[in-house]
């Protein structure tokens, strides 16, 4: 959500360019990569409160401190709002959530090393300023008023628009953290199959990675409150996208969907121009109220594509968006699950066989129920734990077939270990946190911040 905007680019002269934007993502299998993104909450060790942007021990100090590791600042006005290093970036979510957008890498071993390096760098700088970071799907104690807005023009526009569309959009912006993985396709047909499989199974990933059972100091009534928040954020740009399962779905149909998603902004000369609620279709006609007489560029389209938040999102790759953030093993398990399912043809075929007859009503049921009941959700007479056991085994087979070994001879299945434990026990991270909070922690969150910080 927080990547620096594109700006500029070639003008859009016909609708075909919108479709070609997505088709340009087609890559031969030899060039497939994986990119992992993960967010984390920063807090002051002294009082367990969230970090502001300015002031001692704040987000600005974190960004400044990270430059010692070769990160280059990205500024907006007088503020550093992101960092770049090679093909990776560090960005800020609206409430100061610190996000690594990892480089496109060939193996899970590489992405695991990248995540470890990032956590090490963050922990070193944070320790020097009296801060620490933790991976959870939702802030367990903090209220909306406790959070501090980051100084980004995009977020000012979104923050004003969100309450017009749903009750929980500001909570999504300020109090949630996720882990995502971005994966390639080699053709439109390959994209369609991967989109359908991953969209159908996204609620299962939500259940496996559920890690947000608390809200404002007490149980939220959900295993993944983060996932529930998306159901009352903005119906124009969130959800399960039933049209993905319709005959004829492809790049053109997704472009039509994006044309119907209301705009947030236009980026010009380093500034965000409020276009919230306006139509990209009008922009194509030179009739956008925010920029009358002006036609969009390809980079305007690229920016607009980032303002839809479905459970799986198409850019020039596919983004898996259903999981809560978590500890480092979970940050590695999420790409392992999806690479295992989608990057081996036999595994992809097996996953498709599993979900191909699920109905739209069943997709909607899983999307609504899984945040509440997690792996205990009953579906077609079986618990999601049982379904997940089958899916994780398919992922194992897919990763074994890749035969990508580390220096010690381990293949990539090693990163599925947290999911192996979850399907064996029927317990996701949220279940374990709730048990500790109700038991040994005696209703305190101090042990959570102490024991689960990076």
Protein backbone atom coordinates (compact mmCIF):
# COMPACT_ATOMS: atom_id res chain seq x y z
CA UNK A 1 0.00 0.00 0.00
CA UNK A 2 2.84 2.37 0.72
CA UNK A 3 5.28 2.11 -2.20
CA UNK A 4 6.56 5.46 -3.50
CA UNK A 5 4.47 6.64 -6.47
CA UNK A 6 5.52 6.38 -10.07
CA UNK A 7 4.75 9.77 -11.62
CA UNK A 8 5.36 10.60 -15.28
CA UNK A 9 5.43 7.95 -18.00
CA UNK A 10 4.05 7.59 -21.51
CA UNK A 11 0.52 8.90 -22.16
CA UNK A 12 -2.33 6.41 -22.46
CA UNK A 13 -3.76 6.76 -25.95
CA UNK A 14 -5.99 3.68 -26.04
CA UNK A 15 -7.57 1.15 -23.72
CA UNK A 16 -5.31 -1.61 -24.99
CA UNK A 17 -2.40 -0.07 -23.08
CA UNK A 18 -4.18 -0.77 -19.81
CA UNK A 19 -4.37 -4.47 -20.66
CA UNK A 20 -0.82 -4.57 -21.99
CA UNK A 21 0.38 -3.17 -18.67
CA UNK A 22 -0.61 -6.45 -16.98
CA UNK A 23 0.47 -8.65 -19.91
CA UNK A 24 3.96 -7.17 -19.65
CA UNK A 25 4.32 -9.24 -16.48
CA UNK A 26 4.53 -12.50 -18.46
CA UNK A 27 7.93 -14.10 -17.81
CA UNK A 28 9.45 -17.42 -18.87
CA UNK A 29 9.73 -19.87 -15.99
CA UNK A 30 13.51 -19.42 -15.84
CA UNK A 31 12.93 -15.77 -14.88
CA UNK A 32 10.34 -16.37 -12.16
CA UNK A 33 11.21 -14.79 -8.84
CA UNK A 34 9.59 -14.31 -5.45
CA UNK A 35 9.29 -11.10 -3.49
CA UNK A 36 8.33 -11.03 0.18
CA UNK A 37 6.83 -8.03 1.98
CA UNK A 38 6.33 -7.87 5.72
CA UNK A 39 5.23 -5.21 8.16
CA UNK A 40 5.92 -4.82 11.86
CA UNK A 41 4.85 -2.56 14.73
CA UNK A 42 7.46 -0.41 16.46
CA UNK A 43 7.11 0.44 20.14
CA UNK A 44 9.01 2.14 22.96
CA UNK A 45 10.47 -0.44 25.33
CA UNK A 46 9.88 1.90 28.27
CA UNK A 47 6.09 2.10 27.98
CA UNK A 48 5.12 -0.28 25.13
CA UNK A 49 3.53 2.62 23.21
CA UNK A 50 3.72 3.04 19.41
CA UNK A 51 6.43 5.13 17.79
CA UNK A 52 5.67 8.60 16.47
CA UNK A 53 7.45 9.90 13.38
CA UNK A 54 9.40 12.68 15.09
CA UNK A 55 10.91 12.91 18.53
CA UNK A 56 13.44 10.76 20.35
CA UNK A 57 13.20 7.12 19.48
CA UNK A 58 10.82 7.75 16.58
CA UNK A 59 10.36 6.47 13.04
CA UNK A 60 12.49 9.23 11.52
CA UNK A 61 15.35 8.15 13.80
CA UNK A 62 14.84 4.55 12.65
CA UNK A 63 15.06 5.54 8.99
CA UNK A 64 18.11 7.72 9.59
CA UNK A 65 19.80 4.92 11.51
CA UNK A 66 19.18 2.39 8.75
CA UNK A 67 21.25 4.40 6.27
CA UNK A 68 24.44 3.00 7.83
CA UNK A 69 23.58 -0.29 6.11
CA UNK A 70 23.60 1.26 2.64
CA UNK A 71 19.93 2.24 2.48
CA UNK A 72 19.31 5.46 0.55
CA UNK A 73 16.61 7.86 1.79
CA UNK A 74 13.48 8.61 -0.24
CA UNK A 75 11.96 11.94 0.74
CA UNK A 76 8.61 13.68 0.47
CA UNK A 77 9.04 17.36 1.22
CA UNK A 78 11.49 17.56 4.12
CA UNK A 79 10.68 14.10 5.45
CA UNK A 80 12.33 10.77 4.79
CA UNK A 81 9.41 8.44 4.10
CA UNK A 82 11.17 5.37 2.63
CA UNK A 83 14.54 3.76 1.95
CA UNK A 84 15.92 2.05 -1.16
CA UNK A 85 18.75 -0.45 -1.52
CA UNK A 86 19.25 -2.25 -4.81
CA UNK A 87 15.85 -3.79 -5.65
CA UNK A 88 14.49 -3.69 -2.10
CA UNK A 89 12.80 -0.90 -0.17
CA UNK A 90 11.71 -0.02 3.34
CA UNK A 91 8.44 1.88 3.45
CA UNK A 92 6.03 3.20 6.06
CA UNK A 93 2.42 2.25 6.49
CA UNK A 94 0.09 5.01 7.75
CA UNK A 95 0.55 4.27 11.46
CA UNK A 96 4.31 3.88 11.24
CA UNK A 97 4.31 0.15 10.52
CA UNK A 98 7.79 -0.58 9.19
CA UNK A 99 7.67 -2.59 5.96
CA UNK A 100 10.34 -4.42 4.03
CA UNK A 101 9.48 -4.84 0.36
CA UNK A 102 12.03 -7.45 -0.54
CA UNK A 103 13.97 -7.82 -3.77
CA UNK A 104 12.85 -10.34 -6.42
CA UNK A 105 14.82 -13.47 -5.48
CA UNK A 106 15.20 -16.95 -6.94
CA UNK A 107 14.93 -19.18 -3.87
CA UNK A 108 13.32 -19.30 -0.47
CA UNK A 109 16.78 -19.60 1.03
CA UNK A 110 17.59 -16.17 -0.38
CA UNK A 111 14.38 -14.56 0.82
CA UNK A 112 14.86 -16.08 4.29
CA UNK A 113 18.37 -14.62 4.43
CA UNK A 114 17.03 -11.25 3.29
CA UNK A 115 14.36 -11.23 6.01
CA UNK A 116 16.90 -12.24 8.65
CA UNK A 117 19.25 -9.46 7.57
CA UNK A 118 16.42 -6.93 7.68
CA UNK A 119 15.33 -7.99 11.17
CA UNK A 120 18.95 -7.81 12.34
CA UNK A 121 19.38 -4.29 10.95
CA UNK A 122 16.08 -3.08 12.38
CA UNK A 123 16.81 -4.60 15.78
CA UNK A 124 20.25 -3.00 15.95
CA UNK A 125 18.97 0.49 15.21
CA UNK A 126 15.88 0.09 17.38
CA UNK A 127 17.95 -1.09 20.33
CA UNK A 128 20.03 2.08 20.20
CA UNK A 129 16.96 4.34 20.48
CA UNK A 130 15.06 2.36 23.11
CA UNK A 131 12.62 0.80 20.66
CA UNK A 132 11.71 -2.68 19.46
CA UNK A 133 9.50 -4.24 16.80
CA UNK A 134 6.95 -7.04 16.84
CA UNK A 135 5.10 -8.97 14.14
CA UNK A 136 1.36 -9.24 14.80
CA UNK A 137 -1.68 -8.86 12.56
CA UNK A 138 -3.33 -6.20 14.73
CA UNK A 139 -2.09 -3.96 17.54
CA UNK A 140 -3.21 -5.81 20.69
CA UNK A 141 -3.64 -2.87 23.08
CA UNK A 142 -3.39 0.43 21.25
CA UNK A 143 -6.47 2.47 20.36
CA UNK A 144 -6.90 4.34 17.12
CA UNK A 145 -6.14 7.54 19.04
CA UNK A 146 -2.83 6.10 20.28
CA UNK A 147 -1.51 5.82 16.73
CA UNK A 148 0.61 8.42 14.96
CA UNK A 149 0.05 9.31 11.30
CA UNK A 150 3.07 9.28 9.03
CA UNK A 151 3.73 12.46 6.98
CA UNK A 152 2.75 11.14 3.55
CA UNK A 153 0.38 12.98 1.23
CA UNK A 154 -1.18 9.76 -0.02
CA UNK A 155 -2.27 8.83 3.49
CA UNK A 156 -3.87 12.20 4.14
CA UNK A 157 -6.14 11.65 1.12
CA UNK A 158 -6.90 8.03 2.02
CA UNK A 159 -7.52 8.87 5.67
CA UNK A 160 -10.15 11.44 4.74
CA UNK A 161 -11.86 9.10 2.24
CA UNK A 162 -11.87 5.83 4.19
CA UNK A 163 -14.61 6.71 6.72
CA UNK A 164 -16.97 7.44 3.81
CA UNK A 165 -16.77 3.81 2.65
CA UNK A 166 -16.53 1.64 5.78
CA UNK A 167 -16.27 1.66 9.55
CA UNK A 168 -12.87 0.00 9.87
CA UNK A 169 -10.76 1.55 7.11
CA UNK A 170 -8.78 3.75 9.50
CA UNK A 171 -8.02 0.71 11.65
CA UNK A 172 -6.75 -1.08 8.55
CA UNK A 173 -4.44 1.84 7.85
CA UNK A 174 -3.19 2.43 11.37
CA UNK A 175 -3.34 -0.82 13.34
CA UNK A 176 -2.74 -3.78 11.01
CA UNK A 177 0.35 -5.60 9.76
CA UNK A 178 0.60 -8.27 7.09
CA UNK A 179 3.08 -10.53 5.33
CA UNK A 180 2.68 -10.96 1.57
CA UNK A 181 4.47 -12.70 -1.24
CA UNK A 182 4.57 -11.69 -4.89
CA UNK A 183 4.83 -14.34 -7.59
CA UNK A 184 5.21 -14.47 -11.37
CA UNK A 185 3.34 -16.11 -14.26
CA UNK A 186 4.42 -17.02 -17.78
CA UNK A 187 1.20 -16.32 -19.69
CA UNK A 188 -2.34 -15.09 -19.31
CA UNK A 189 -3.58 -18.66 -18.88
CA UNK A 190 -0.97 -19.31 -16.19
CA UNK A 191 -1.96 -16.09 -14.41
CA UNK A 192 -5.63 -17.09 -14.47
CA UNK A 193 -5.01 -20.53 -12.97
CA UNK A 194 -2.71 -19.16 -10.27
CA UNK A 195 -5.14 -16.35 -9.49
CA UNK A 196 -8.05 -18.79 -9.10
CA UNK A 197 -6.12 -21.26 -6.94
CA UNK A 198 -4.62 -18.60 -4.69
CA UNK A 199 -7.87 -16.66 -4.32
CA UNK A 200 -9.79 -19.81 -3.39
CA UNK A 201 -7.14 -20.80 -0.84
CA UNK A 202 -6.54 -17.33 0.60
CA UNK A 203 -8.94 -17.93 3.54
CA UNK A 204 -6.98 -21.07 4.36
CA UNK A 205 -3.80 -18.98 4.52
CA UNK A 206 -5.66 -16.55 6.76
CA UNK A 207 -6.45 -19.44 9.12
CA UNK A 208 -2.91 -20.87 9.11
CA UNK A 209 -1.27 -17.49 9.78
CA UNK A 210 -3.98 -16.04 12.06
CA UNK A 211 -2.10 -13.88 14.57
CA UNK A 212 -4.41 -11.04 15.62
CA UNK A 213 -6.78 -12.26 18.34
CA UNK A 214 -6.70 -9.11 20.51
CA UNK A 215 -8.19 -5.64 20.27
CA UNK A 216 -7.64 -2.82 22.77
CA UNK A 217 -6.49 -5.05 25.58
CA UNK A 218 -8.90 -7.96 25.33
CA UNK A 219 -9.85 -10.83 23.01
CA UNK A 220 -11.35 -9.48 19.80
CA UNK A 221 -13.60 -12.46 19.12
CA UNK A 222 -11.57 -13.27 16.01
CA UNK A 223 -8.49 -15.36 15.29
CA UNK A 224 -7.53 -12.83 12.61
CA UNK A 225 -9.09 -9.50 13.46
CA UNK A 226 -6.88 -7.99 10.75
CA UNK A 227 -8.64 -10.09 8.14
CA UNK A 228 -12.06 -9.13 9.48
CA UNK A 229 -11.18 -5.44 9.26
CA UNK A 230 -10.88 -5.71 5.49
CA UNK A 231 -14.55 -6.76 5.27
CA UNK A 232 -15.65 -3.30 6.46
CA UNK A 233 -13.02 -1.10 4.81
CA UNK A 234 -14.18 -0.29 1.28
CA UNK A 235 -16.36 -2.66 -0.78
CA UNK A 236 -15.30 -0.92 -4.01
CA UNK A 237 -11.71 -2.14 -3.70
CA UNK A 238 -11.61 -5.12 -1.31
CA UNK A 239 -12.88 -8.68 -1.23
CA UNK A 240 -12.83 -12.00 -3.08
CA UNK A 241 -13.46 -10.91 -6.72
CA UNK A 242 -15.98 -13.54 -7.89
CA UNK A 243 -15.43 -12.54 -11.54
CA UNK A 244 -11.99 -14.20 -11.38
CA UNK A 245 -13.79 -17.57 -11.49
CA UNK A 246 -15.99 -16.64 -14.46
CA UNK A 247 -15.30 -17.99 -17.96
CA UNK A 248 -13.19 -15.62 -20.02
CA UNK A 249 -11.39 -14.01 -17.10
CA UNK A 250 -8.01 -12.54 -18.00
CA UNK A 251 -6.01 -9.33 -18.15
CA UNK A 252 -8.83 -7.43 -19.86
CA UNK A 253 -11.42 -8.32 -17.24
CA UNK A 254 -9.07 -7.26 -14.44
CA UNK A 255 -8.43 -3.97 -16.24
CA UNK A 256 -12.20 -3.42 -16.38
CA UNK A 257 -12.38 -4.07 -12.64
CA UNK A 258 -9.66 -1.51 -11.98
CA UNK A 259 -11.45 1.04 -14.15
CA UNK A 260 -14.45 0.67 -11.83
CA UNK A 261 -12.38 1.13 -8.66
CA UNK A 262 -12.71 4.79 -7.60
CA UNK A 263 -9.47 6.74 -7.63
CA UNK A 264 -7.60 8.16 -4.65
CA UNK A 265 -5.10 10.57 -6.18
CA UNK A 266 -3.00 11.78 -9.09
CA UNK A 267 0.70 12.29 -8.44
CA UNK A 268 2.30 15.32 -10.09
CA UNK A 269 5.55 17.19 -9.43
CA UNK A 270 6.17 15.45 -6.14
CA UNK A 271 2.68 16.12 -4.79
CA UNK A 272 -0.52 14.13 -4.36
CA UNK A 273 -3.62 15.70 -5.89
CA UNK A 274 -6.87 14.56 -4.30
CA UNK A 275 -9.02 12.66 -6.80
CA UNK A 276 -10.79 10.50 -4.22
CA UNK A 277 -13.98 8.94 -5.52
CA UNK A 278 -13.34 10.06 -9.10
CA UNK A 279 -13.30 7.75 -12.12
CA UNK A 280 -10.30 6.56 -14.11
CA UNK A 281 -12.71 6.14 -17.02
CA UNK A 282 -13.28 9.91 -16.90
CA UNK A 283 -9.51 10.40 -16.71
CA UNK A 284 -9.16 8.47 -20.00
CA UNK A 285 -11.58 10.96 -21.58
CA UNK A 286 -9.74 13.99 -20.24
CA UNK A 287 -12.65 14.71 -17.91
CA UNK A 288 -11.16 14.02 -14.48
CA UNK A 289 -12.39 16.82 -12.17
CA UNK A 290 -9.03 16.86 -10.38
CA UNK A 291 -7.11 17.36 -13.68
CA UNK A 292 -9.56 18.67 -16.32
CA UNK A 293 -8.33 18.39 -19.89
CA UNK A 294 -5.45 16.09 -18.94
CA UNK A 295 -5.00 12.47 -20.04
CA UNK A 296 -3.42 9.83 -17.79
CA UNK A 297 -0.02 8.23 -18.24
CA UNK A 298 0.91 4.58 -17.89
CA UNK A 299 2.42 5.44 -14.52
CA UNK A 300 -0.90 6.94 -13.40
CA UNK A 301 -2.42 3.55 -14.20
CA UNK A 302 0.37 1.77 -12.29
CA UNK A 303 -0.33 3.99 -9.27
CA UNK A 304 -4.07 3.39 -9.53
CA UNK A 305 -3.57 -0.39 -9.62
CA UNK A 306 -1.97 -0.15 -6.15
CA UNK A 307 -5.15 1.34 -4.68
CA UNK A 308 -7.24 -1.84 -4.93
CA UNK A 309 -6.92 -4.22 -1.99
CA UNK A 310 -8.52 -7.58 -2.87
CA UNK A 311 -7.36 -10.79 -1.21
CA UNK A 312 -5.18 -11.47 -4.26
CA UNK A 313 -4.05 -8.50 -6.34
CA UNK A 314 -2.76 -8.42 -9.90
CA UNK A 315 0.00 -6.04 -10.88
CA UNK A 316 2.70 -7.39 -13.19
CA UNK A 317 2.77 -10.26 -10.73
CA UNK A 318 0.29 -11.74 -8.27
CA UNK A 319 0.23 -10.62 -4.63
CA UNK A 320 -0.95 -13.01 -1.90
CA UNK A 321 -2.61 -10.72 0.67
CA UNK A 322 -4.45 -12.95 3.18
CA UNK A 323 -1.96 -13.47 6.03
CA UNK A 324 -1.25 -11.74 9.34
CA UNK A 325 2.29 -10.67 10.10
CA UNK A 326 4.19 -12.80 12.58
CA UNK A 327 7.58 -13.95 13.85
CA UNK A 328 10.44 -14.64 11.44
CA UNK A 329 9.54 -18.32 10.81
CA UNK A 330 6.07 -17.22 9.70
CA UNK A 331 7.56 -14.59 7.40
CA UNK A 332 9.44 -17.42 5.68
CA UNK A 333 6.54 -19.88 5.73
CA UNK A 334 4.19 -17.60 3.78
CA UNK A 335 6.29 -17.48 0.58
CA UNK A 336 7.12 -21.17 1.08
CA UNK A 337 3.43 -22.07 1.02
CA UNK A 338 2.64 -20.16 -2.15
CA UNK A 339 5.85 -20.99 -4.03
CA UNK A 340 5.21 -24.65 -3.26
CA UNK A 341 1.65 -24.45 -4.54
CA UNK A 342 2.13 -22.21 -7.58
CA UNK A 343 5.66 -22.68 -8.96
CA UNK A 344 5.52 -26.42 -9.68
CA UNK A 345 3.03 -27.47 -12.35
CA UNK A 346 2.04 -30.74 -10.69
CA UNK A 347 1.41 -28.95 -7.39
CA UNK A 348 -0.59 -26.22 -9.12
CA UNK A 349 -2.69 -28.85 -10.89
CA UNK A 350 -3.29 -30.69 -7.61
CA UNK A 351 -4.30 -27.48 -5.84
CA UNK A 352 -6.68 -26.62 -8.68
CA UNK A 353 -8.25 -30.08 -8.51
CA UNK A 354 -8.90 -29.42 -4.82
CA UNK A 355 -10.75 -26.13 -5.31
CA UNK A 356 -12.13 -26.12 -8.85
CA UNK A 357 -15.69 -27.04 -7.88
CA UNK A 358 -15.99 -24.62 -4.96
CA UNK A 359 -18.87 -22.21 -5.49
CA UNK A 360 -18.92 -18.44 -5.13
CA UNK A 361 -21.15 -18.88 -2.08
CA UNK A 362 -18.51 -21.17 -0.56
CA UNK A 363 -15.74 -18.68 -1.27
CA UNK A 364 -17.81 -16.00 0.47
CA UNK A 365 -18.52 -18.31 3.41
CA UNK A 366 -14.83 -19.04 3.93
CA UNK A 367 -13.91 -15.37 3.62
CA UNK A 368 -16.48 -14.40 6.27
CA UNK A 369 -16.01 -17.27 8.73
CA UNK A 370 -12.29 -17.95 8.70
CA UNK A 371 -11.29 -14.72 10.50
CA UNK A 372 -13.58 -15.75 13.37
CA UNK A 373 -12.93 -19.45 13.79
CA UNK A 374 -9.63 -20.01 11.97
CA UNK A 375 -8.54 -23.60 11.54
CA UNK A 376 -11.63 -24.81 13.42
CA UNK A 377 -13.89 -23.53 10.62
CA UNK A 378 -16.00 -26.36 9.23
CA UNK A 379 -16.22 -26.60 5.44
CA UNK A 380 -17.83 -29.42 3.47
CA UNK A 381 -17.90 -31.61 6.55
CA UNK A 382 -14.21 -31.16 7.40
CA UNK A 383 -12.32 -28.67 9.52
CA UNK A 384 -9.97 -26.26 7.83
CA UNK A 385 -7.18 -28.02 9.70
CA UNK A 386 -7.89 -31.10 7.59
CA UNK A 387 -8.07 -29.08 4.39
CA UNK A 388 -4.87 -27.28 5.35
CA UNK A 389 -3.09 -30.57 5.98
CA UNK A 390 -3.79 -31.57 2.39
CA UNK A 391 -2.76 -28.18 1.00
CA UNK A 392 0.47 -28.05 2.98
CA UNK A 393 1.36 -31.52 1.70
CA UNK A 394 0.87 -30.29 -1.87
CA UNK A 395 3.19 -27.38 -1.07
CA UNK A 396 5.77 -29.85 0.29
CA UNK A 397 5.63 -31.80 -2.96
CA UNK A 398 5.99 -28.63 -5.00
CA UNK A 399 9.03 -27.47 -3.05
CA UNK A 400 10.65 -30.90 -3.16
CA UNK A 401 10.25 -30.90 -6.93
CA UNK A 402 12.07 -27.55 -7.16
CA UNK A 403 15.20 -29.13 -5.64
CA UNK A 404 16.63 -25.83 -4.44
CA UNK A 405 19.19 -26.67 -1.74
CA UNK A 406 20.99 -24.43 0.73
CA UNK A 407 24.65 -24.75 1.70
CA UNK A 408 23.77 -27.53 4.15
CA UNK A 409 21.82 -29.59 1.62
CA UNK A 410 18.37 -28.64 2.93
CA UNK A 411 15.61 -28.10 0.41
CA UNK A 412 12.98 -25.37 0.71
CA UNK A 413 10.47 -27.54 2.59
CA UNK A 414 12.28 -26.57 5.80
CA UNK A 415 10.42 -23.24 5.73
CA UNK A 416 7.05 -24.99 5.98
CA UNK A 417 7.83 -26.13 9.55
CA UNK A 418 5.43 -23.66 11.26
CA UNK A 419 2.60 -24.87 9.02
CA UNK A 420 3.46 -28.51 9.68
CA UNK A 421 3.05 -27.80 13.40
CA UNK A 422 -0.22 -25.95 12.83
CA UNK A 423 -1.84 -28.73 10.81
CA UNK A 424 -0.63 -31.35 13.31
CA UNK A 425 -2.01 -29.48 16.34
CA UNK A 426 -4.94 -27.62 14.80
CA UNK A 427 -3.57 -24.45 16.41
CA UNK A 428 -2.58 -21.24 14.65
CA UNK A 429 -0.45 -18.56 16.35
CA UNK A 430 -3.63 -16.79 17.52
CA UNK A 431 -4.76 -19.89 19.42
CA UNK A 432 -1.42 -20.10 21.20
CA UNK A 433 -1.44 -16.39 22.10
CA UNK A 434 -4.96 -16.60 23.50
CA UNK A 435 -4.02 -19.61 25.63
CA UNK A 436 -0.98 -17.81 27.05
CA UNK A 437 -2.90 -14.59 27.70
CA UNK A 438 -5.66 -16.46 29.53
CA UNK A 439 -3.14 -18.64 31.37
CA UNK A 440 0.46 -17.87 32.26
CA UNK A 441 0.31 -14.20 31.21
CA UNK A 442 -2.74 -13.61 33.46
CA UNK A 443 -4.28 -11.08 31.10
CA UNK A 444 -1.10 -9.02 30.71
CA UNK A 445 0.43 -7.99 27.39
CA UNK A 446 3.86 -7.25 28.83
CA UNK A 447 5.05 -10.82 28.17
CA UNK A 448 3.78 -10.59 24.58
CA UNK A 449 5.92 -7.54 23.82
CA UNK A 450 8.84 -8.91 25.83
CA UNK A 451 8.92 -12.45 24.46
CA UNK A 452 7.66 -12.01 20.90
CA UNK A 453 9.55 -8.90 19.78
CA UNK A 454 12.14 -9.46 17.07
